[in-house]
Amino acid sequence: MEIKTAEFVISNSSVEKCPETQMPEYAFIGRSNVGKSSLINMLANRLKLAKTSATPGKTMLINHFLINGQWYLVDLPGYGYAKRSKTETAKLQKIISDYILKREQMTNLFVLIDSRHEPQKIDLEFIEWLGENGIPFSIVFTKADKSSRTKLHSTISNYLKVLQEQWEELPPYFITSSEDKTGRGELLDYIENINRSL
């Protein structure tokens, strides 16, 4: 898939205020500092489409970007940022869960995982929650350029082993780097294939 146009449409804090269209939506979520904004910018081939922040966990809103006038890329708030108050955390959880559970246009959720780290409890619990709720999702391992090839494959295969303890069938997964555009073609082709099947 070639990205010809990518435009910001709306930011909001409630699923009820999302665009009233029937276009498919592909949402991206992950822990704070997982490289979500960089990945979105790399996919869209735009330097500053999604705002990267010096402060992790800054995205507090659902952000819709219209791609090629045909589908939405949705930037969801990150989860698991320790420096938030309980009230803020609860509010964020509601924004995230309302969108994921209620937004019928959401076609696939991409869960971003930092490929440098061993499996984290918060990610595994989030993935388990998606499974319990029957949410279609894929895993995107980010920052592949930050590790040696051997370390990268070892970390990812370890991750998949941990997932296999809970899942009979593993979700689709992608290995990406925003720096050298690894995985860009595969991810966009995956979205294009889903769009064709709709």
N, C-alpha and C. Protein backbone atom coordinates (compact mmCIF):
# COMPACT_ATOMS: atom_id res chain seq x y z
N MET A 1 0.85 -1.20 0.00
CA MET A 1 0.00 0.00 0.00
C MET A 1 0.88 1.24 0.00
N GLU A 2 0.48 2.18 -0.83
CA GLU A 2 1.19 3.46 -0.86
C GLU A 2 0.34 4.49 -0.12
N ILE A 3 0.98 5.21 0.81
CA ILE A 3 0.25 6.27 1.54
C ILE A 3 0.39 7.57 0.76
N LYS A 4 -0.72 8.01 0.20
CA LYS A 4 -0.68 9.26 -0.59
C LYS A 4 -1.07 10.46 0.26
N THR A 5 -2.06 10.27 1.14
CA THR A 5 -2.47 11.37 2.01
C THR A 5 -2.67 10.87 3.44
N ALA A 6 -2.28 11.70 4.39
CA ALA A 6 -2.48 11.39 5.81
C ALA A 6 -2.79 12.71 6.49
N GLU A 7 -4.01 12.82 7.00
CA GLU A 7 -4.38 14.10 7.60
C GLU A 7 -5.03 13.91 8.98
N PHE A 8 -4.66 14.80 9.88
CA PHE A 8 -5.25 14.80 11.21
C PHE A 8 -6.71 15.24 11.09
N VAL A 9 -7.63 14.51 11.77
CA VAL A 9 -9.05 14.85 11.68
C VAL A 9 -9.58 15.39 13.00
N ILE A 10 -9.38 14.64 14.10
CA ILE A 10 -9.97 15.07 15.38
C ILE A 10 -9.27 14.40 16.56
N SER A 11 -9.22 15.12 17.68
CA SER A 11 -8.77 14.57 18.97
C SER A 11 -9.95 14.66 19.91
N ASN A 12 -10.22 13.63 20.66
CA ASN A 12 -11.28 13.76 21.66
C ASN A 12 -11.09 12.76 22.79
N SER A 13 -11.85 12.96 23.87
CA SER A 13 -11.68 12.13 25.06
C SER A 13 -12.84 11.16 25.26
N SER A 14 -13.64 10.99 24.21
CA SER A 14 -14.81 10.12 24.37
C SER A 14 -15.13 9.41 23.07
N VAL A 15 -15.45 8.13 23.16
CA VAL A 15 -15.76 7.34 21.96
C VAL A 15 -16.99 7.91 21.24
N GLU A 16 -17.89 8.53 22.00
CA GLU A 16 -19.10 9.09 21.40
C GLU A 16 -18.80 10.24 20.43
N LYS A 17 -17.61 10.85 20.59
CA LYS A 17 -17.28 12.00 19.73
C LYS A 17 -16.40 11.61 18.53
N CYS A 18 -16.15 10.31 18.36
CA CYS A 18 -15.34 9.86 17.23
C CYS A 18 -16.10 10.13 15.92
N PRO A 19 -15.37 10.20 14.79
CA PRO A 19 -16.01 10.52 13.51
C PRO A 19 -17.18 9.59 13.19
N GLU A 20 -18.24 10.17 12.67
CA GLU A 20 -19.43 9.39 12.32
C GLU A 20 -19.31 8.90 10.88
N THR A 21 -18.45 7.91 10.68
CA THR A 21 -18.32 7.31 9.34
C THR A 21 -18.29 5.80 9.54
N GLN A 22 -18.38 5.07 8.45
CA GLN A 22 -18.29 3.61 8.53
C GLN A 22 -16.93 3.11 8.03
N MET A 23 -15.97 4.02 7.91
CA MET A 23 -14.64 3.59 7.44
C MET A 23 -13.94 2.73 8.48
N PRO A 24 -13.16 1.74 8.04
CA PRO A 24 -12.43 0.92 9.00
C PRO A 24 -11.39 1.75 9.77
N GLU A 25 -11.17 1.36 11.03
CA GLU A 25 -10.19 2.05 11.87
C GLU A 25 -9.16 1.06 12.39
N TYR A 26 -7.91 1.45 12.33
CA TYR A 26 -6.81 0.64 12.85
C TYR A 26 -6.17 1.43 13.98
N ALA A 27 -6.32 0.92 15.19
CA ALA A 27 -5.88 1.67 16.37
C ALA A 27 -4.53 1.15 16.87
N PHE A 28 -3.73 2.06 17.41
CA PHE A 28 -2.40 1.73 17.92
C PHE A 28 -2.33 2.10 19.40
N ILE A 29 -1.83 1.15 20.19
CA ILE A 29 -1.76 1.37 21.64
C ILE A 29 -0.51 0.68 22.19
N GLY A 30 -0.02 1.17 23.32
CA GLY A 30 1.13 0.52 23.95
C GLY A 30 1.47 1.26 25.22
N ARG A 31 2.41 0.72 25.96
CA ARG A 31 2.86 1.41 27.16
C ARG A 31 3.53 2.72 26.77
N SER A 32 3.56 3.64 27.71
CA SER A 32 4.23 4.91 27.46
C SER A 32 5.68 4.65 27.07
N ASN A 33 6.18 5.43 26.15
CA ASN A 33 7.58 5.36 25.74
C ASN A 33 7.92 4.13 24.88
N VAL A 34 6.89 3.54 24.24
CA VAL A 34 7.12 2.35 23.42
C VAL A 34 7.48 2.73 21.98
N GLY A 35 7.35 4.04 21.67
CA GLY A 35 7.70 4.50 20.32
C GLY A 35 6.49 4.57 19.39
N LYS A 36 5.31 4.82 19.98
CA LYS A 36 4.07 4.81 19.20
C LYS A 36 4.01 5.95 18.18
N SER A 37 4.28 7.17 18.63
CA SER A 37 4.21 8.32 17.71
C SER A 37 5.21 8.15 16.57
N SER A 38 6.40 7.69 16.89
CA SER A 38 7.43 7.49 15.85
C SER A 38 6.97 6.43 14.84
N LEU A 39 6.35 5.37 15.34
CA LEU A 39 5.86 4.31 14.45
C LEU A 39 4.76 4.84 13.52
N ILE A 40 3.82 5.60 14.10
CA ILE A 40 2.72 6.17 13.30
C ILE A 40 3.27 7.10 12.22
N ASN A 41 4.22 7.94 12.59
CA ASN A 41 4.83 8.86 11.62
C ASN A 41 5.57 8.09 10.52
N MET A 42 6.23 7.01 10.91
CA MET A 42 6.96 6.19 9.93
C MET A 42 5.98 5.52 8.97
N LEU A 43 4.88 4.97 9.49
CA LEU A 43 3.89 4.31 8.64
C LEU A 43 3.27 5.30 7.65
N ALA A 44 2.93 6.48 8.17
CA ALA A 44 2.25 7.48 7.34
C ALA A 44 3.24 8.25 6.44
N ASN A 45 4.54 8.05 6.69
CA ASN A 45 5.58 8.75 5.94
C ASN A 45 5.49 10.26 6.13
N ARG A 46 5.12 10.66 7.35
CA ARG A 46 5.03 12.08 7.70
C ARG A 46 5.86 12.30 8.96
N LEU A 47 6.68 13.33 8.95
CA LEU A 47 7.57 13.54 10.09
C LEU A 47 6.84 13.87 11.39
N LYS A 48 5.80 14.71 11.31
CA LYS A 48 5.18 15.17 12.55
C LYS A 48 3.67 14.99 12.55
N LEU A 49 3.20 13.87 11.99
CA LEU A 49 1.75 13.62 11.99
C LEU A 49 1.29 13.41 13.43
N ALA A 50 1.87 12.40 14.08
CA ALA A 50 1.60 12.19 15.52
C ALA A 50 2.68 12.93 16.28
N LYS A 51 2.27 13.64 17.31
CA LYS A 51 3.23 14.46 18.07
C LYS A 51 4.01 13.57 19.04
N THR A 52 5.32 13.58 18.90
CA THR A 52 6.14 12.88 19.88
C THR A 52 6.44 13.86 21.01
N SER A 53 6.44 13.34 22.22
CA SER A 53 6.60 14.23 23.37
C SER A 53 7.84 13.84 24.16
N ALA A 54 8.47 14.82 24.76
CA ALA A 54 9.63 14.54 25.63
C ALA A 54 9.16 13.85 26.91
N THR A 55 7.89 14.06 27.24
CA THR A 55 7.33 13.42 28.43
C THR A 55 6.54 12.19 28.02
N PRO A 56 6.96 10.98 28.45
CA PRO A 56 6.21 9.79 28.11
C PRO A 56 4.78 9.89 28.65
N GLY A 57 3.86 9.27 27.94
CA GLY A 57 2.48 9.22 28.45
C GLY A 57 1.72 10.50 28.30
N LYS A 58 2.12 11.33 27.34
CA LYS A 58 1.47 12.64 27.17
C LYS A 58 0.12 12.52 26.45
N THR A 59 -0.02 11.52 25.55
CA THR A 59 -1.28 11.38 24.81
C THR A 59 -2.40 11.02 25.77
N MET A 60 -3.37 11.92 25.91
CA MET A 60 -4.50 11.65 26.81
C MET A 60 -5.80 11.56 26.00
N LEU A 61 -5.66 11.59 24.67
CA LEU A 61 -6.85 11.67 23.82
C LEU A 61 -6.82 10.58 22.75
N ILE A 62 -7.98 10.36 22.14
CA ILE A 62 -8.08 9.48 20.97
C ILE A 62 -7.86 10.39 19.75
N ASN A 63 -6.84 10.08 18.96
CA ASN A 63 -6.52 10.92 17.79
C ASN A 63 -6.81 10.16 16.50
N HIS A 64 -7.63 10.74 15.64
CA HIS A 64 -7.98 10.13 14.35
C HIS A 64 -7.21 10.79 13.21
N PHE A 65 -6.56 9.96 12.37
CA PHE A 65 -5.89 10.44 11.17
C PHE A 65 -6.50 9.70 9.98
N LEU A 66 -6.91 10.45 8.96
CA LEU A 66 -7.51 9.85 7.78
C LEU A 66 -6.41 9.53 6.77
N ILE A 67 -6.35 8.26 6.36
CA ILE A 67 -5.30 7.81 5.44
C ILE A 67 -5.90 7.52 4.06
N ASN A 68 -5.33 8.16 3.05
CA ASN A 68 -5.78 7.98 1.65
C ASN A 68 -7.28 8.20 1.47
N GLY A 69 -7.91 8.90 2.41
CA GLY A 69 -9.34 9.15 2.33
C GLY A 69 -10.18 7.90 2.46
N GLN A 70 -9.55 6.77 2.94
CA GLN A 70 -10.25 5.48 2.92
C GLN A 70 -10.34 4.79 4.28
N TRP A 71 -9.39 5.05 5.15
CA TRP A 71 -9.42 4.40 6.47
C TRP A 71 -8.75 5.31 7.50
N TYR A 72 -9.06 5.03 8.76
CA TYR A 72 -8.50 5.84 9.84
C TYR A 72 -7.40 5.10 10.58
N LEU A 73 -6.34 5.81 10.85
CA LEU A 73 -5.32 5.35 11.78
C LEU A 73 -5.64 6.07 13.09
N VAL A 74 -5.77 5.31 14.16
CA VAL A 74 -6.19 5.90 15.44
C VAL A 74 -5.08 5.73 16.47
N ASP A 75 -4.66 6.86 17.04
CA ASP A 75 -3.61 6.89 18.06
C ASP A 75 -4.30 6.95 19.42
N LEU A 76 -4.21 5.85 20.18
CA LEU A 76 -4.85 5.79 21.49
C LEU A 76 -3.87 6.19 22.60
N PRO A 77 -4.37 6.64 23.74
CA PRO A 77 -3.47 6.96 24.86
C PRO A 77 -2.65 5.74 25.27
N GLY A 78 -1.43 5.98 25.73
CA GLY A 78 -0.61 4.88 26.24
C GLY A 78 -1.09 4.47 27.62
N TYR A 79 -0.76 3.26 28.02
CA TYR A 79 -1.15 2.81 29.36
C TYR A 79 0.10 2.54 30.22
N GLY A 80 -0.12 2.47 31.51
CA GLY A 80 0.96 2.07 32.41
C GLY A 80 1.99 3.13 32.71
N TYR A 81 1.61 4.40 32.65
CA TYR A 81 2.58 5.44 33.00
C TYR A 81 2.48 5.74 34.49
N ALA A 82 3.54 5.44 35.23
CA ALA A 82 3.51 5.44 36.69
C ALA A 82 3.25 6.81 37.33
N LYS A 83 3.61 7.90 36.66
CA LYS A 83 3.54 9.21 37.32
C LYS A 83 2.16 9.86 37.26
N ARG A 84 1.14 9.09 36.90
CA ARG A 84 -0.21 9.67 36.86
C ARG A 84 -0.93 9.45 38.17
N SER A 85 -1.84 10.36 38.49
CA SER A 85 -2.65 10.19 39.69
C SER A 85 -3.67 9.08 39.45
N LYS A 86 -4.26 8.57 40.54
CA LYS A 86 -5.26 7.50 40.39
C LYS A 86 -6.45 7.97 39.57
N THR A 87 -6.84 9.22 39.76
CA THR A 87 -7.99 9.77 39.01
C THR A 87 -7.68 9.81 37.53
N GLU A 88 -6.48 10.30 37.19
CA GLU A 88 -6.07 10.37 35.78
C GLU A 88 -6.00 8.98 35.16
N THR A 89 -5.44 8.03 35.92
CA THR A 89 -5.31 6.65 35.43
C THR A 89 -6.67 6.05 35.15
N ALA A 90 -7.61 6.26 36.08
CA ALA A 90 -8.97 5.71 35.91
C ALA A 90 -9.65 6.34 34.69
N LYS A 91 -9.44 7.63 34.51
CA LYS A 91 -10.04 8.34 33.38
C LYS A 91 -9.49 7.80 32.06
N LEU A 92 -8.16 7.61 32.04
CA LEU A 92 -7.52 7.07 30.84
C LEU A 92 -8.00 5.67 30.52
N GLN A 93 -8.10 4.83 31.56
CA GLN A 93 -8.55 3.45 31.36
C GLN A 93 -9.95 3.43 30.75
N LYS A 94 -10.79 4.36 31.19
CA LYS A 94 -12.15 4.44 30.66
C LYS A 94 -12.13 4.85 29.18
N ILE A 95 -11.31 5.86 28.84
CA ILE A 95 -11.20 6.30 27.44
C ILE A 95 -10.78 5.12 26.56
N ILE A 96 -9.74 4.39 27.01
CA ILE A 96 -9.20 3.28 26.24
C ILE A 96 -10.21 2.14 26.11
N SER A 97 -10.77 1.71 27.25
CA SER A 97 -11.67 0.54 27.20
C SER A 97 -12.97 0.87 26.47
N ASP A 98 -13.48 2.10 26.63
CA ASP A 98 -14.70 2.48 25.90
C ASP A 98 -14.48 2.41 24.39
N TYR A 99 -13.33 2.94 23.95
CA TYR A 99 -13.05 2.92 22.51
C TYR A 99 -12.93 1.46 22.02
N ILE A 100 -12.14 0.67 22.72
CA ILE A 100 -11.87 -0.70 22.27
C ILE A 100 -13.14 -1.57 22.29
N LEU A 101 -13.96 -1.41 23.31
CA LEU A 101 -15.14 -2.27 23.45
C LEU A 101 -16.35 -1.77 22.67
N LYS A 102 -16.45 -0.45 22.48
CA LYS A 102 -17.69 0.09 21.89
C LYS A 102 -17.57 0.54 20.44
N ARG A 103 -16.36 0.78 19.97
CA ARG A 103 -16.20 1.36 18.63
C ARG A 103 -16.30 0.26 17.56
N GLU A 104 -17.45 0.17 16.94
CA GLU A 104 -17.68 -0.90 15.95
C GLU A 104 -16.77 -0.78 14.73
N GLN A 105 -16.35 0.44 14.41
CA GLN A 105 -15.49 0.64 13.23
C GLN A 105 -14.07 0.15 13.46
N MET A 106 -13.69 -0.12 14.72
CA MET A 106 -12.33 -0.57 14.98
C MET A 106 -12.15 -1.98 14.41
N THR A 107 -11.31 -2.05 13.38
CA THR A 107 -11.12 -3.29 12.63
C THR A 107 -10.00 -4.13 13.23
N ASN A 108 -8.96 -3.46 13.71
CA ASN A 108 -7.84 -4.17 14.31
C ASN A 108 -7.10 -3.24 15.27
N LEU A 109 -6.66 -3.83 16.38
CA LEU A 109 -5.88 -3.07 17.36
C LEU A 109 -4.44 -3.56 17.30
N PHE A 110 -3.51 -2.64 17.09
CA PHE A 110 -2.09 -3.00 17.10
C PHE A 110 -1.52 -2.68 18.48
N VAL A 111 -1.06 -3.73 19.16
CA VAL A 111 -0.48 -3.56 20.50
C VAL A 111 1.03 -3.48 20.36
N LEU A 112 1.60 -2.34 20.75
CA LEU A 112 3.04 -2.13 20.58
C LEU A 112 3.81 -2.62 21.80
N ILE A 113 4.88 -3.35 21.53
CA ILE A 113 5.74 -3.91 22.58
C ILE A 113 7.18 -3.53 22.25
N ASP A 114 7.91 -3.01 23.23
CA ASP A 114 9.32 -2.65 23.04
C ASP A 114 10.13 -3.95 22.95
N SER A 115 10.73 -4.18 21.78
CA SER A 115 11.42 -5.45 21.52
C SER A 115 12.68 -5.66 22.37
N ARG A 116 13.09 -4.63 23.12
CA ARG A 116 14.31 -4.78 23.93
C ARG A 116 14.06 -5.43 25.29
N HIS A 117 12.77 -5.50 25.68
CA HIS A 117 12.48 -5.92 27.05
C HIS A 117 11.85 -7.31 27.12
N GLU A 118 12.07 -7.96 28.24
CA GLU A 118 11.40 -9.23 28.51
C GLU A 118 9.91 -8.95 28.72
N PRO A 119 9.05 -9.99 28.62
CA PRO A 119 7.61 -9.77 28.78
C PRO A 119 7.27 -9.03 30.08
N GLN A 120 6.45 -8.01 29.96
CA GLN A 120 6.04 -7.20 31.11
C GLN A 120 4.62 -7.60 31.51
N LYS A 121 4.39 -7.69 32.81
CA LYS A 121 3.09 -8.10 33.34
C LYS A 121 1.95 -7.24 32.78
N ILE A 122 2.16 -5.92 32.74
CA ILE A 122 1.09 -5.02 32.30
C ILE A 122 0.66 -5.29 30.85
N ASP A 123 1.65 -5.60 29.98
CA ASP A 123 1.33 -5.91 28.58
C ASP A 123 0.58 -7.24 28.48
N LEU A 124 1.07 -8.25 29.21
CA LEU A 124 0.45 -9.58 29.17
C LEU A 124 -0.98 -9.53 29.68
N GLU A 125 -1.21 -8.74 30.73
CA GLU A 125 -2.57 -8.62 31.27
C GLU A 125 -3.48 -7.90 30.27
N PHE A 126 -2.94 -6.90 29.61
CA PHE A 126 -3.73 -6.16 28.61
C PHE A 126 -4.11 -7.08 27.45
N ILE A 127 -3.13 -7.86 26.97
CA ILE A 127 -3.36 -8.80 25.86
C ILE A 127 -4.40 -9.85 26.27
N GLU A 128 -4.31 -10.31 27.51
CA GLU A 128 -5.27 -11.30 28.01
C GLU A 128 -6.69 -10.70 28.03
N TRP A 129 -6.79 -9.44 28.45
CA TRP A 129 -8.08 -8.75 28.49
C TRP A 129 -8.68 -8.65 27.07
N LEU A 130 -7.81 -8.38 26.09
CA LEU A 130 -8.28 -8.31 24.69
C LEU A 130 -8.86 -9.66 24.27
N GLY A 131 -8.15 -10.73 24.65
CA GLY A 131 -8.61 -12.07 24.31
C GLY A 131 -9.95 -12.39 24.95
N GLU A 132 -10.08 -12.03 26.22
CA GLU A 132 -11.33 -12.30 26.95
C GLU A 132 -12.51 -11.57 26.31
N ASN A 133 -12.23 -10.42 25.71
CA ASN A 133 -13.30 -9.62 25.10
C ASN A 133 -13.43 -9.82 23.59
N GLY A 134 -12.67 -10.77 23.06
CA GLY A 134 -12.78 -11.10 21.64
C GLY A 134 -12.39 -9.97 20.70
N ILE A 135 -11.38 -9.18 21.10
CA ILE A 135 -10.95 -8.04 20.29
C ILE A 135 -9.90 -8.50 19.27
N PRO A 136 -10.09 -8.19 17.97
CA PRO A 136 -9.07 -8.56 16.97
C PRO A 136 -7.83 -7.68 17.15
N PHE A 137 -6.68 -8.31 17.35
CA PHE A 137 -5.47 -7.51 17.57
C PHE A 137 -4.25 -8.20 16.98
N SER A 138 -3.20 -7.41 16.81
CA SER A 138 -1.89 -7.89 16.36
C SER A 138 -0.85 -7.26 17.27
N ILE A 139 0.31 -7.88 17.30
CA ILE A 139 1.40 -7.33 18.13
C ILE A 139 2.45 -6.70 17.22
N VAL A 140 2.92 -5.53 17.61
CA VAL A 140 3.98 -4.85 16.86
C VAL A 140 5.17 -4.67 17.80
N PHE A 141 6.25 -5.39 17.51
CA PHE A 141 7.47 -5.21 18.29
C PHE A 141 8.21 -4.00 17.72
N THR A 142 8.47 -3.00 18.56
CA THR A 142 9.10 -1.76 18.11
C THR A 142 10.59 -1.74 18.46
N LYS A 143 11.28 -0.75 17.91
CA LYS A 143 12.70 -0.46 18.23
C LYS A 143 13.63 -1.63 17.91
N ALA A 144 13.36 -2.33 16.80
CA ALA A 144 14.18 -3.49 16.42
C ALA A 144 15.63 -3.11 16.14
N ASP A 145 15.86 -1.84 15.76
CA ASP A 145 17.22 -1.41 15.44
C ASP A 145 18.08 -1.22 16.69
N LYS A 146 17.45 -1.23 17.87
CA LYS A 146 18.19 -0.94 19.10
C LYS A 146 18.90 -2.18 19.68
N SER A 147 18.66 -3.37 19.11
CA SER A 147 19.29 -4.59 19.63
C SER A 147 20.03 -5.30 18.50
N SER A 148 20.98 -6.15 18.87
CA SER A 148 21.63 -6.99 17.86
C SER A 148 20.59 -7.99 17.35
N ARG A 149 20.82 -8.52 16.16
CA ARG A 149 19.86 -9.46 15.58
C ARG A 149 19.62 -10.67 16.50
N THR A 150 20.70 -11.18 17.09
CA THR A 150 20.59 -12.36 17.97
C THR A 150 19.74 -12.03 19.19
N LYS A 151 20.01 -10.89 19.81
CA LYS A 151 19.27 -10.49 21.01
C LYS A 151 17.80 -10.25 20.67
N LEU A 152 17.56 -9.61 19.52
CA LEU A 152 16.21 -9.31 19.08
C LEU A 152 15.40 -10.61 18.92
N HIS A 153 15.97 -11.58 18.20
CA HIS A 153 15.24 -12.83 17.97
C HIS A 153 15.04 -13.62 19.25
N SER A 154 16.02 -13.54 20.12
CA SER A 154 15.90 -14.24 21.41
C SER A 154 14.78 -13.64 22.26
N THR A 155 14.73 -12.30 22.34
CA THR A 155 13.69 -11.63 23.13
C THR A 155 12.30 -11.91 22.58
N ILE A 156 12.17 -11.83 21.24
CA ILE A 156 10.86 -12.03 20.62
C ILE A 156 10.40 -13.48 20.76
N SER A 157 11.30 -14.43 20.55
CA SER A 157 10.88 -15.84 20.66
C SER A 157 10.51 -16.16 22.11
N ASN A 158 11.20 -15.52 23.06
CA ASN A 158 10.84 -15.69 24.47
C ASN A 158 9.43 -15.14 24.72
N TYR A 159 9.15 -13.99 24.14
CA TYR A 159 7.84 -13.35 24.29
C TYR A 159 6.74 -14.27 23.75
N LEU A 160 6.99 -14.83 22.58
CA LEU A 160 5.98 -15.69 21.94
C LEU A 160 5.76 -16.96 22.77
N LYS A 161 6.84 -17.45 23.38
CA LYS A 161 6.71 -18.64 24.26
C LYS A 161 5.80 -18.35 25.44
N VAL A 162 5.98 -17.18 26.03
CA VAL A 162 5.15 -16.77 27.17
C VAL A 162 3.69 -16.66 26.73
N LEU A 163 3.46 -16.08 25.55
CA LEU A 163 2.09 -15.94 25.04
C LEU A 163 1.45 -17.31 24.78
N GLN A 164 2.27 -18.25 24.31
CA GLN A 164 1.74 -19.60 24.00
C GLN A 164 1.23 -20.33 25.24
N GLU A 165 1.65 -19.87 26.41
CA GLU A 165 1.14 -20.49 27.64
C GLU A 165 -0.35 -20.16 27.81
N GLN A 166 -0.80 -19.04 27.21
CA GLN A 166 -2.20 -18.63 27.35
C GLN A 166 -3.00 -18.79 26.06
N TRP A 167 -2.31 -18.77 24.93
CA TRP A 167 -3.00 -18.74 23.64
C TRP A 167 -2.75 -20.01 22.85
N GLU A 168 -3.82 -20.61 22.35
CA GLU A 168 -3.66 -21.78 21.48
C GLU A 168 -3.05 -21.34 20.15
N GLU A 169 -3.54 -20.20 19.67
CA GLU A 169 -3.05 -19.67 18.40
C GLU A 169 -2.51 -18.26 18.66
N LEU A 170 -1.29 -18.02 18.22
CA LEU A 170 -0.68 -16.71 18.46
C LEU A 170 -1.29 -15.67 17.52
N PRO A 171 -1.43 -14.42 18.01
CA PRO A 171 -1.90 -13.35 17.12
C PRO A 171 -0.82 -13.04 16.08
N PRO A 172 -1.19 -12.41 14.96
CA PRO A 172 -0.16 -11.98 14.00
C PRO A 172 0.79 -11.02 14.70
N TYR A 173 2.07 -11.04 14.31
CA TYR A 173 3.01 -10.08 14.92
C TYR A 173 3.96 -9.53 13.86
N PHE A 174 4.45 -8.34 14.14
CA PHE A 174 5.33 -7.63 13.21
C PHE A 174 6.54 -7.11 13.97
N ILE A 175 7.69 -7.08 13.29
CA ILE A 175 8.91 -6.55 13.90
C ILE A 175 9.23 -5.25 13.16
N THR A 176 9.32 -4.15 13.91
CA THR A 176 9.46 -2.84 13.26
C THR A 176 10.58 -1.99 13.85
N SER A 177 11.01 -1.04 13.05
CA SER A 177 11.92 0.01 13.52
C SER A 177 11.53 1.29 12.81
N SER A 178 11.25 2.32 13.60
CA SER A 178 10.90 3.62 13.01
C SER A 178 12.12 4.28 12.38
N GLU A 179 13.30 3.91 12.88
CA GLU A 179 14.55 4.51 12.38
C GLU A 179 14.84 4.08 10.94
N ASP A 180 14.79 2.75 10.69
CA ASP A 180 15.15 2.28 9.34
C ASP A 180 13.96 1.72 8.55
N LYS A 181 12.74 1.98 9.08
CA LYS A 181 11.49 1.60 8.39
C LYS A 181 11.28 0.09 8.25
N THR A 182 11.98 -0.69 9.08
CA THR A 182 11.74 -2.13 9.10
C THR A 182 10.27 -2.40 9.40
N GLY A 183 9.66 -3.31 8.65
CA GLY A 183 8.29 -3.74 8.94
C GLY A 183 7.21 -2.84 8.37
N ARG A 184 7.59 -1.70 7.78
CA ARG A 184 6.57 -0.76 7.28
C ARG A 184 5.71 -1.41 6.20
N GLY A 185 6.38 -2.02 5.21
CA GLY A 185 5.66 -2.65 4.10
C GLY A 185 4.72 -3.75 4.57
N GLU A 186 5.21 -4.59 5.48
CA GLU A 186 4.41 -5.72 5.99
C GLU A 186 3.16 -5.23 6.71
N LEU A 187 3.34 -4.21 7.55
CA LEU A 187 2.19 -3.67 8.30
C LEU A 187 1.14 -3.06 7.38
N LEU A 188 1.60 -2.27 6.43
CA LEU A 188 0.66 -1.62 5.51
C LEU A 188 -0.02 -2.63 4.60
N ASP A 189 0.71 -3.66 4.18
CA ASP A 189 0.09 -4.72 3.36
C ASP A 189 -0.97 -5.47 4.16
N TYR A 190 -0.68 -5.68 5.44
CA TYR A 190 -1.63 -6.37 6.32
C TYR A 190 -2.94 -5.58 6.41
N ILE A 191 -2.81 -4.26 6.59
CA ILE A 191 -3.99 -3.38 6.66
C ILE A 191 -4.73 -3.41 5.32
N GLU A 192 -3.97 -3.34 4.23
CA GLU A 192 -4.58 -3.33 2.90
C GLU A 192 -5.36 -4.63 2.64
N ASN A 193 -4.78 -5.75 3.05
CA ASN A 193 -5.46 -7.05 2.85
C ASN A 193 -6.76 -7.12 3.65
N ILE A 194 -6.73 -6.60 4.87
CA ILE A 194 -7.97 -6.59 5.67
C ILE A 194 -9.00 -5.69 5.00
N ASN A 195 -8.58 -4.50 4.55
CA ASN A 195 -9.51 -3.58 3.89
C ASN A 195 -10.17 -4.23 2.67
N ARG A 196 -9.36 -4.99 1.91
CA ARG A 196 -9.90 -5.65 0.72
C ARG A 196 -10.95 -6.69 1.08
N SER A 197 -10.76 -7.32 2.24
CA SER A 197 -11.68 -8.40 2.63
C SER A 197 -12.98 -7.89 3.24
N LEU A 198 -13.04 -6.59 3.55
CA LEU A 198 -14.23 -6.06 4.22
C LEU A 198 -15.41 -5.91 3.25
